Amino acid sequence: MTIGKNVTKIGKKAFYNCKNLKKITIKSTKLKAKNISAKAFTKAGSSNYKKLVVKVPKGKVSSYKKMLKKKGLSAKATVKK
């Protein structure tokens, strides 16, 4: 799954219960916590959380990691640049 560079919002339960999701690439540097719904990433990759990798833009790793976990991303998922 790739989220484009011009995306500014992620809707309610966008990736909720996407059990087989293994990779999410976020190209946008414009995402803010207030524009991502509360359960957008809940249960994403739930068939094996350790295999879920979220790639984010360089310089945004720590802020996006914190933000995505608040929005439901598993602590076992990997967030990297």
PDB file of N, CA and C in Angstrom:
ATOM      1  N   MET A   1       0.856  -1.163   0.000  1.00  0.00           N
ATOM      2  CA  MET A   1       0.000   0.000   0.000  1.00  0.00           C
ATOM      3  C   MET A   1       0.906   1.231   0.000  1.00  0.00           C
ATOM      4  N   THR A   2       0.611   2.167  -0.858  1.00  0.00           N
ATOM      5  CA  THR A   2       1.356   3.420  -0.911  1.00  0.00           C
ATOM      6  C   THR A   2       0.399   4.591  -0.694  1.00  0.00           C
ATOM      7  N   ILE A   3       0.793   5.473   0.199  1.00  0.00           N
ATOM      8  CA  ILE A   3       0.035   6.695   0.460  1.00  0.00           C
ATOM      9  C   ILE A   3       0.821   7.823  -0.197  1.00  0.00           C
ATOM     10  N   GLY A   4       0.227   8.491  -1.164  1.00  0.00           N
ATOM     11  CA  GLY A   4       0.898   9.499  -1.986  1.00  0.00           C
ATOM     12  C   GLY A   4       1.413  10.720  -1.252  1.00  0.00           C
ATOM     13  N   LYS A   5       2.240  11.493  -1.950  1.00  0.00           N
ATOM     14  CA  LYS A   5       2.896  12.645  -1.328  1.00  0.00           C
ATOM     15  C   LYS A   5       1.966  13.825  -1.082  1.00  0.00           C
ATOM     16  N   ASN A   6       0.804  13.861  -1.698  1.00  0.00           N
ATOM     17  CA  ASN A   6      -0.123  14.973  -1.498  1.00  0.00           C
ATOM     18  C   ASN A   6      -1.269  14.649  -0.544  1.00  0.00           C
ATOM     19  N   VAL A   7      -1.256  13.474   0.059  1.00  0.00           N
ATOM     20  CA  VAL A   7      -2.314  13.066   0.981  1.00  0.00           C
ATOM     21  C   VAL A   7      -2.174  13.838   2.292  1.00  0.00           C
ATOM     22  N   THR A   8      -3.292  14.407   2.755  1.00  0.00           N
ATOM     23  CA  THR A   8      -3.278  15.164   4.002  1.00  0.00           C
ATOM     24  C   THR A   8      -4.202  14.570   5.054  1.00  0.00           C
ATOM     25  N   LYS A   9      -5.067  13.619   4.667  1.00  0.00           N
ATOM     26  CA  LYS A   9      -6.012  13.007   5.607  1.00  0.00           C
ATOM     27  C   LYS A   9      -6.097  11.507   5.373  1.00  0.00           C
ATOM     28  N   ILE A  10      -6.303  10.780   6.473  1.00  0.00           N
ATOM     29  CA  ILE A  10      -6.568   9.346   6.396  1.00  0.00           C
ATOM     30  C   ILE A  10      -7.857   9.119   7.165  1.00  0.00           C
ATOM     31  N   GLY A  11      -8.839   8.565   6.498  1.00  0.00           N
ATOM     32  CA  GLY A  11     -10.192   8.455   7.032  1.00  0.00           C
ATOM     33  C   GLY A  11     -10.406   7.376   8.075  1.00  0.00           C
ATOM     34  N   LYS A  12     -11.615   7.381   8.578  1.00  0.00           N
ATOM     35  CA  LYS A  12     -12.036   6.472   9.635  1.00  0.00           C
ATOM     36  C   LYS A  12     -11.863   5.022   9.206  1.00  0.00           C
ATOM     37  N   LYS A  13     -11.121   4.273   9.992  1.00  0.00           N
ATOM     38  CA  LYS A  13     -10.879   2.838   9.793  1.00  0.00           C
ATOM     39  C   LYS A  13     -10.328   2.519   8.402  1.00  0.00           C
ATOM     40  N   ALA A  14      -9.452   3.359   7.890  1.00  0.00           N
ATOM     41  CA  ALA A  14      -8.903   3.172   6.542  1.00  0.00           C
ATOM     42  C   ALA A  14      -8.189   1.831   6.382  1.00  0.00           C
ATOM     43  N   PHE A  15      -7.409   1.422   7.366  1.00  0.00           N
ATOM     44  CA  PHE A  15      -6.691   0.152   7.305  1.00  0.00           C
ATOM     45  C   PHE A  15      -7.146  -0.797   8.397  1.00  0.00           C
ATOM     46  N   TYR A  16      -8.289  -0.509   8.991  1.00  0.00           N
ATOM     47  CA  TYR A  16      -8.833  -1.316  10.085  1.00  0.00           C
ATOM     48  C   TYR A  16      -9.040  -2.748   9.631  1.00  0.00           C
ATOM     49  N   ASN A  17      -8.447  -3.671  10.384  1.00  0.00           N
ATOM     50  CA  ASN A  17      -8.631  -5.115  10.159  1.00  0.00           C
ATOM     51  C   ASN A  17      -8.110  -5.601   8.806  1.00  0.00           C
ATOM     52  N   CYS A  18      -7.146  -4.897   8.212  1.00  0.00           N
ATOM     53  CA  CYS A  18      -6.486  -5.380   6.986  1.00  0.00           C
ATOM     54  C   CYS A  18      -5.424  -6.387   7.439  1.00  0.00           C
ATOM     55  N   LYS A  19      -5.844  -7.610   7.678  1.00  0.00           N
ATOM     56  CA  LYS A  19      -5.016  -8.629   8.326  1.00  0.00           C
ATOM     57  C   LYS A  19      -3.740  -8.976   7.572  1.00  0.00           C
ATOM     58  N   ASN A  20      -3.786  -9.003   6.276  1.00  0.00           N
ATOM     59  CA  ASN A  20      -2.638  -9.456   5.495  1.00  0.00           C
ATOM     60  C   ASN A  20      -1.729  -8.334   5.019  1.00  0.00           C
ATOM     61  N   LEU A  21      -1.935  -7.142   5.505  1.00  0.00           N
ATOM     62  CA  LEU A  21      -1.111  -6.001   5.109  1.00  0.00           C
ATOM     63  C   LEU A  21       0.315  -6.195   5.630  1.00  0.00           C
ATOM     64  N   LYS A  22       1.311  -6.053   4.731  1.00  0.00           N
ATOM     65  CA  LYS A  22       2.701  -6.271   5.132  1.00  0.00           C
ATOM     66  C   LYS A  22       3.570  -5.028   4.981  1.00  0.00           C
ATOM     67  N   LYS A  23       3.144  -4.099   4.109  1.00  0.00           N
ATOM     68  CA  LYS A  23       3.979  -2.926   3.868  1.00  0.00           C
ATOM     69  C   LYS A  23       3.106  -1.723   3.549  1.00  0.00           C
ATOM     70  N   ILE A  24       3.394  -0.626   4.225  1.00  0.00           N
ATOM     71  CA  ILE A  24       2.738   0.640   3.944  1.00  0.00           C
ATOM     72  C   ILE A  24       3.846   1.645   3.689  1.00  0.00           C
ATOM     73  N   THR A  25       3.790   2.332   2.568  1.00  0.00           N
ATOM     74  CA  THR A  25       4.758   3.374   2.254  1.00  0.00           C
ATOM     75  C   THR A  25       4.026   4.705   2.279  1.00  0.00           C
ATOM     76  N   ILE A  26       4.470   5.583   3.160  1.00  0.00           N
ATOM     77  CA  ILE A  26       3.864   6.910   3.271  1.00  0.00           C
ATOM     78  C   ILE A  26       4.841   7.912   2.662  1.00  0.00           C
ATOM     79  N   LYS A  27       4.454   8.525   1.555  1.00  0.00           N
ATOM     80  CA  LYS A  27       5.305   9.502   0.884  1.00  0.00           C
ATOM     81  C   LYS A  27       5.004  10.925   1.327  1.00  0.00           C
ATOM     82  N   SER A  28       3.859  11.128   1.948  1.00  0.00           N
ATOM     83  CA  SER A  28       3.432  12.456   2.370  1.00  0.00           C
ATOM     84  C   SER A  28       4.188  12.940   3.605  1.00  0.00           C
ATOM     85  N   THR A  29       4.576  14.200   3.596  1.00  0.00           N
ATOM     86  CA  THR A  29       5.173  14.826   4.776  1.00  0.00           C
ATOM     87  C   THR A  29       4.164  15.767   5.423  1.00  0.00           C
ATOM     88  N   LYS A  30       2.938  15.755   4.896  1.00  0.00           N
ATOM     89  CA  LYS A  30       1.910  16.711   5.317  1.00  0.00           C
ATOM     90  C   LYS A  30       0.913  16.146   6.321  1.00  0.00           C
ATOM     91  N   LEU A  31       1.068  14.904   6.743  1.00  0.00           N
ATOM     92  CA  LEU A  31       0.105  14.307   7.665  1.00  0.00           C
ATOM     93  C   LEU A  31       0.236  14.887   9.068  1.00  0.00           C
ATOM     94  N   LYS A  32      -0.890  15.148   9.692  1.00  0.00           N
ATOM     95  CA  LYS A  32      -0.952  15.651  11.063  1.00  0.00           C
ATOM     96  C   LYS A  32      -1.880  14.727  11.844  1.00  0.00           C
ATOM     97  N   ALA A  33      -1.642  14.596  13.134  1.00  0.00           N
ATOM     98  CA  ALA A  33      -2.428  13.700  13.979  1.00  0.00           C
ATOM     99  C   ALA A  33      -3.917  14.018  13.922  1.00  0.00           C
ATOM    100  N   LYS A  34      -4.258  15.294  13.859  1.00  0.00           N
ATOM    101  CA  LYS A  34      -5.675  15.669  13.836  1.00  0.00           C
ATOM    102  C   LYS A  34      -6.372  15.261  12.537  1.00  0.00           C
ATOM    103  N   ASN A  35      -5.600  14.943  11.487  1.00  0.00           N
ATOM    104  CA  ASN A  35      -6.172  14.559  10.204  1.00  0.00           C
ATOM    105  C   ASN A  35      -6.174  13.046   9.954  1.00  0.00           C
ATOM    106  N   ILE A  36      -5.809  12.281  10.978  1.00  0.00           N
ATOM    107  CA  ILE A  36      -5.849  10.820  10.882  1.00  0.00           C
ATOM    108  C   ILE A  36      -6.868  10.347  11.909  1.00  0.00           C
ATOM    109  N   SER A  37      -7.857   9.594  11.468  1.00  0.00           N
ATOM    110  CA  SER A  37      -8.915   9.179  12.396  1.00  0.00           C
ATOM    111  C   SER A  37      -8.371   8.199  13.439  1.00  0.00           C
ATOM    112  N   ALA A  38      -9.066   8.097  14.553  1.00  0.00           N
ATOM    113  CA  ALA A  38      -8.606   7.364  15.730  1.00  0.00           C
ATOM    114  C   ALA A  38      -8.280   5.891  15.486  1.00  0.00           C
ATOM    115  N   LYS A  39      -9.024   5.216  14.660  1.00  0.00           N
ATOM    116  CA  LYS A  39      -8.801   3.782  14.455  1.00  0.00           C
ATOM    117  C   LYS A  39      -8.321   3.464  13.040  1.00  0.00           C
ATOM    118  N   ALA A  40      -7.655   4.390  12.421  1.00  0.00           N
ATOM    119  CA  ALA A  40      -7.232   4.205  11.029  1.00  0.00           C
ATOM    120  C   ALA A  40      -6.301   3.013  10.843  1.00  0.00           C
ATOM    121  N   PHE A  41      -5.444   2.715  11.810  1.00  0.00           N
ATOM    122  CA  PHE A  41      -4.467   1.638  11.662  1.00  0.00           C
ATOM    123  C   PHE A  41      -4.695   0.480  12.625  1.00  0.00           C
ATOM    124  N   THR A  42      -5.819   0.461  13.326  1.00  0.00           N
ATOM    125  CA  THR A  42      -6.118  -0.609  14.272  1.00  0.00           C
ATOM    126  C   THR A  42      -6.243  -1.942  13.548  1.00  0.00           C
ATOM    127  N   LYS A  43      -5.540  -2.930  14.035  1.00  0.00           N
ATOM    128  CA  LYS A  43      -5.517  -4.303  13.496  1.00  0.00           C
ATOM    129  C   LYS A  43      -4.922  -4.399  12.099  1.00  0.00           C
ATOM    130  N   ALA A  44      -4.232  -3.389  11.632  1.00  0.00           N
ATOM    131  CA  ALA A  44      -3.556  -3.478  10.328  1.00  0.00           C
ATOM    132  C   ALA A  44      -2.419  -4.483  10.454  1.00  0.00           C
ATOM    133  N   GLY A  45      -2.376  -5.453   9.569  1.00  0.00           N
ATOM    134  CA  GLY A  45      -1.345  -6.482   9.596  1.00  0.00           C
ATOM    135  C   GLY A  45      -1.498  -7.461  10.742  1.00  0.00           C
ATOM    136  N   SER A  46      -2.696  -7.646  11.238  1.00  0.00           N
ATOM    137  CA  SER A  46      -2.912  -8.440  12.446  1.00  0.00           C
ATOM    138  C   SER A  46      -2.599  -9.934  12.302  1.00  0.00           C
ATOM    139  N   SER A  47      -2.447 -10.437  11.094  1.00  0.00           N
ATOM    140  CA  SER A  47      -2.093 -11.848  10.945  1.00  0.00           C
ATOM    141  C   SER A  47      -0.658 -12.094  11.410  1.00  0.00           C
ATOM    142  N   ASN A  48       0.199 -11.083  11.338  1.00  0.00           N
ATOM    143  CA  ASN A  48       1.563 -11.151  11.882  1.00  0.00           C
ATOM    144  C   ASN A  48       2.116  -9.729  11.988  1.00  0.00           C
ATOM    145  N   TYR A  49       1.904  -9.101  13.125  1.00  0.00           N
ATOM    146  CA  TYR A  49       2.321  -7.710  13.330  1.00  0.00           C
ATOM    147  C   TYR A  49       3.812  -7.485  13.094  1.00  0.00           C
ATOM    148  N   LYS A  50       4.633  -8.480  13.406  1.00  0.00           N
ATOM    149  CA  LYS A  50       6.086  -8.318  13.277  1.00  0.00           C
ATOM    150  C   LYS A  50       6.523  -8.155  11.822  1.00  0.00           C
ATOM    151  N   LYS A  51       5.716  -8.600  10.879  1.00  0.00           N
ATOM    152  CA  LYS A  51       6.062  -8.478   9.464  1.00  0.00           C
ATOM    153  C   LYS A  51       5.615  -7.163   8.843  1.00  0.00           C
ATOM    154  N   LEU A  52       4.779  -6.401   9.550  1.00  0.00           N
ATOM    155  CA  LEU A  52       4.294  -5.135   9.004  1.00  0.00           C
ATOM    156  C   LEU A  52       5.398  -4.074   9.074  1.00  0.00           C
ATOM    157  N   VAL A  53       5.712  -3.489   7.918  1.00  0.00           N
ATOM    158  CA  VAL A  53       6.727  -2.442   7.822  1.00  0.00           C
ATOM    159  C   VAL A  53       6.063  -1.189   7.270  1.00  0.00           C
ATOM    160  N   VAL A  54       6.273  -0.077   7.956  1.00  0.00           N
ATOM    161  CA  VAL A  54       5.747   1.209   7.508  1.00  0.00           C
ATOM    162  C   VAL A  54       6.937   2.086   7.166  1.00  0.00           C
ATOM    163  N   LYS A  55       7.064   2.442   5.879  1.00  0.00           N
ATOM    164  CA  LYS A  55       8.149   3.318   5.440  1.00  0.00           C
ATOM    165  C   LYS A  55       7.619   4.744   5.387  1.00  0.00           C
ATOM    166  N   VAL A  56       8.368   5.657   5.998  1.00  0.00           N
ATOM    167  CA  VAL A  56       7.965   7.061   6.068  1.00  0.00           C
ATOM    168  C   VAL A  56       9.089   7.939   5.522  1.00  0.00           C
ATOM    169  N   PRO A  57       8.791   9.204   5.205  1.00  0.00           N
ATOM    170  CA  PRO A  57       9.825  10.097   4.683  1.00  0.00           C
ATOM    171  C   PRO A  57      10.966  10.325   5.681  1.00  0.00           C
ATOM    172  N   LYS A  58      12.137  10.535   5.125  1.00  0.00           N
ATOM    173  CA  LYS A  58      13.320  10.825   5.931  1.00  0.00           C
ATOM    174  C   LYS A  58      13.060  12.050   6.809  1.00  0.00           C
ATOM    175  N   GLY A  59      13.436  11.984   8.058  1.00  0.00           N
ATOM    176  CA  GLY A  59      13.230  13.087   8.979  1.00  0.00           C
ATOM    177  C   GLY A  59      11.890  13.065   9.689  1.00  0.00           C
ATOM    178  N   LYS A  60      11.018  12.134   9.328  1.00  0.00           N
ATOM    179  CA  LYS A  60       9.685  12.052   9.930  1.00  0.00           C
ATOM    180  C   LYS A  60       9.492  10.757  10.733  1.00  0.00           C
ATOM    181  N   VAL A  61      10.530   9.954  10.858  1.00  0.00           N
ATOM    182  CA  VAL A  61      10.391   8.639  11.477  1.00  0.00           C
ATOM    183  C   VAL A  61       9.859   8.721  12.897  1.00  0.00           C
ATOM    184  N   SER A  62      10.475   9.499  13.753  1.00  0.00           N
ATOM    185  CA  SER A  62      10.046   9.522  15.151  1.00  0.00           C
ATOM    186  C   SER A  62       8.663  10.144  15.320  1.00  0.00           C
ATOM    187  N   SER A  63       8.387  11.232  14.628  1.00  0.00           N
ATOM    188  CA  SER A  63       7.080  11.875  14.775  1.00  0.00           C
ATOM    189  C   SER A  63       5.963  11.015  14.189  1.00  0.00           C
ATOM    190  N   TYR A  64       6.197  10.400  13.025  1.00  0.00           N
ATOM    191  CA  TYR A  64       5.185   9.542  12.420  1.00  0.00           C
ATOM    192  C   TYR A  64       4.983   8.268  13.242  1.00  0.00           C
ATOM    193  N   LYS A  65       6.056   7.709  13.775  1.00  0.00           N
ATOM    194  CA  LYS A  65       5.952   6.497  14.585  1.00  0.00           C
ATOM    195  C   LYS A  65       5.041   6.742  15.788  1.00  0.00           C
ATOM    196  N   LYS A  66       5.269   7.826  16.470  1.00  0.00           N
ATOM    197  CA  LYS A  66       4.456   8.185  17.633  1.00  0.00           C
ATOM    198  C   LYS A  66       3.000   8.425  17.224  1.00  0.00           C
ATOM    199  N   MET A  67       2.813   9.160  16.144  1.00  0.00           N
ATOM    200  CA  MET A  67       1.476   9.499  15.672  1.00  0.00           C
ATOM    201  C   MET A  67       0.702   8.252  15.227  1.00  0.00           C
ATOM    202  N   LEU A  68       1.343   7.381  14.473  1.00  0.00           N
ATOM    203  CA  LEU A  68       0.670   6.185  13.956  1.00  0.00           C
ATOM    204  C   LEU A  68       0.300   5.211  15.070  1.00  0.00           C
ATOM    205  N   LYS A  69       1.144   5.108  16.074  1.00  0.00           N
ATOM    206  CA  LYS A  69       0.826   4.217  17.193  1.00  0.00           C
ATOM    207  C   LYS A  69      -0.362   4.737  17.980  1.00  0.00           C
ATOM    208  N   LYS A  70      -0.511   6.054  18.073  1.00  0.00           N
ATOM    209  CA  LYS A  70      -1.685   6.630  18.727  1.00  0.00           C
ATOM    210  C   LYS A  70      -2.950   6.357  17.918  1.00  0.00           C
ATOM    211  N   LYS A  71      -2.801   6.152  16.635  1.00  0.00           N
ATOM    212  CA  LYS A  71      -3.933   5.906  15.740  1.00  0.00           C
ATOM    213  C   LYS A  71      -4.174   4.412  15.511  1.00  0.00           C
ATOM    214  N   GLY A  72      -3.548   3.554  16.318  1.00  0.00           N
ATOM    215  CA  GLY A  72      -3.865   2.141  16.302  1.00  0.00           C
ATOM    216  C   GLY A  72      -2.813   1.209  15.743  1.00  0.00           C
ATOM    217  N   LEU A  73      -1.703   1.709  15.240  1.00  0.00           N
ATOM    218  CA  LEU A  73      -0.651   0.847  14.705  1.00  0.00           C
ATOM    219  C   LEU A  73      -0.026   0.028  15.839  1.00  0.00           C
ATOM    220  N   SER A  74       0.178  -1.247  15.623  1.00  0.00           N
ATOM    221  CA  SER A  74       0.749  -2.121  16.637  1.00  0.00           C
ATOM    222  C   SER A  74       2.166  -1.712  17.000  1.00  0.00           C
ATOM    223  N   ALA A  75       2.514  -1.855  18.277  1.00  0.00           N
ATOM    224  CA  ALA A  75       3.866  -1.564  18.748  1.00  0.00           C
ATOM    225  C   ALA A  75       4.880  -2.545  18.156  1.00  0.00           C
ATOM    226  N   LYS A  76       4.414  -3.682  17.673  1.00  0.00           N
ATOM    227  CA  LYS A  76       5.291  -4.695  17.076  1.00  0.00           C
ATOM    228  C   LYS A  76       5.647  -4.378  15.626  1.00  0.00           C
ATOM    229  N   ALA A  77       4.907  -3.488  15.005  1.00  0.00           N
ATOM    230  CA  ALA A  77       5.182  -3.107  13.612  1.00  0.00           C
ATOM    231  C   ALA A  77       6.442  -2.248  13.556  1.00  0.00           C
ATOM    232  N   THR A  78       7.138  -2.308  12.435  1.00  0.00           N
ATOM    233  CA  THR A  78       8.369  -1.547  12.247  1.00  0.00           C
ATOM    234  C   THR A  78       8.072  -0.278  11.448  1.00  0.00           C
ATOM    235  N   VAL A  79       8.579   0.850  11.959  1.00  0.00           N
ATOM    236  CA  VAL A  79       8.447   2.127  11.236  1.00  0.00           C
ATOM    237  C   VAL A  79       9.868   2.573  10.917  1.00  0.00           C
ATOM    238  N   LYS A  80      10.153   2.764   9.632  1.00  0.00           N
ATOM    239  CA  LYS A  80      11.509   3.157   9.240  1.00  0.00           C
ATOM    240  C   LYS A  80      11.481   4.069   8.030  1.00  0.00           C
ATOM    241  N   LYS A  81      12.655   4.662   7.715  1.00  0.00           N
ATOM    242  CA  LYS A  81      12.729   5.557   6.551  1.00  0.00           C
ATOM    243  C   LYS A  81      13.029   4.807   5.302  1.00  0.00           C
TER     244      LYS A  81
END
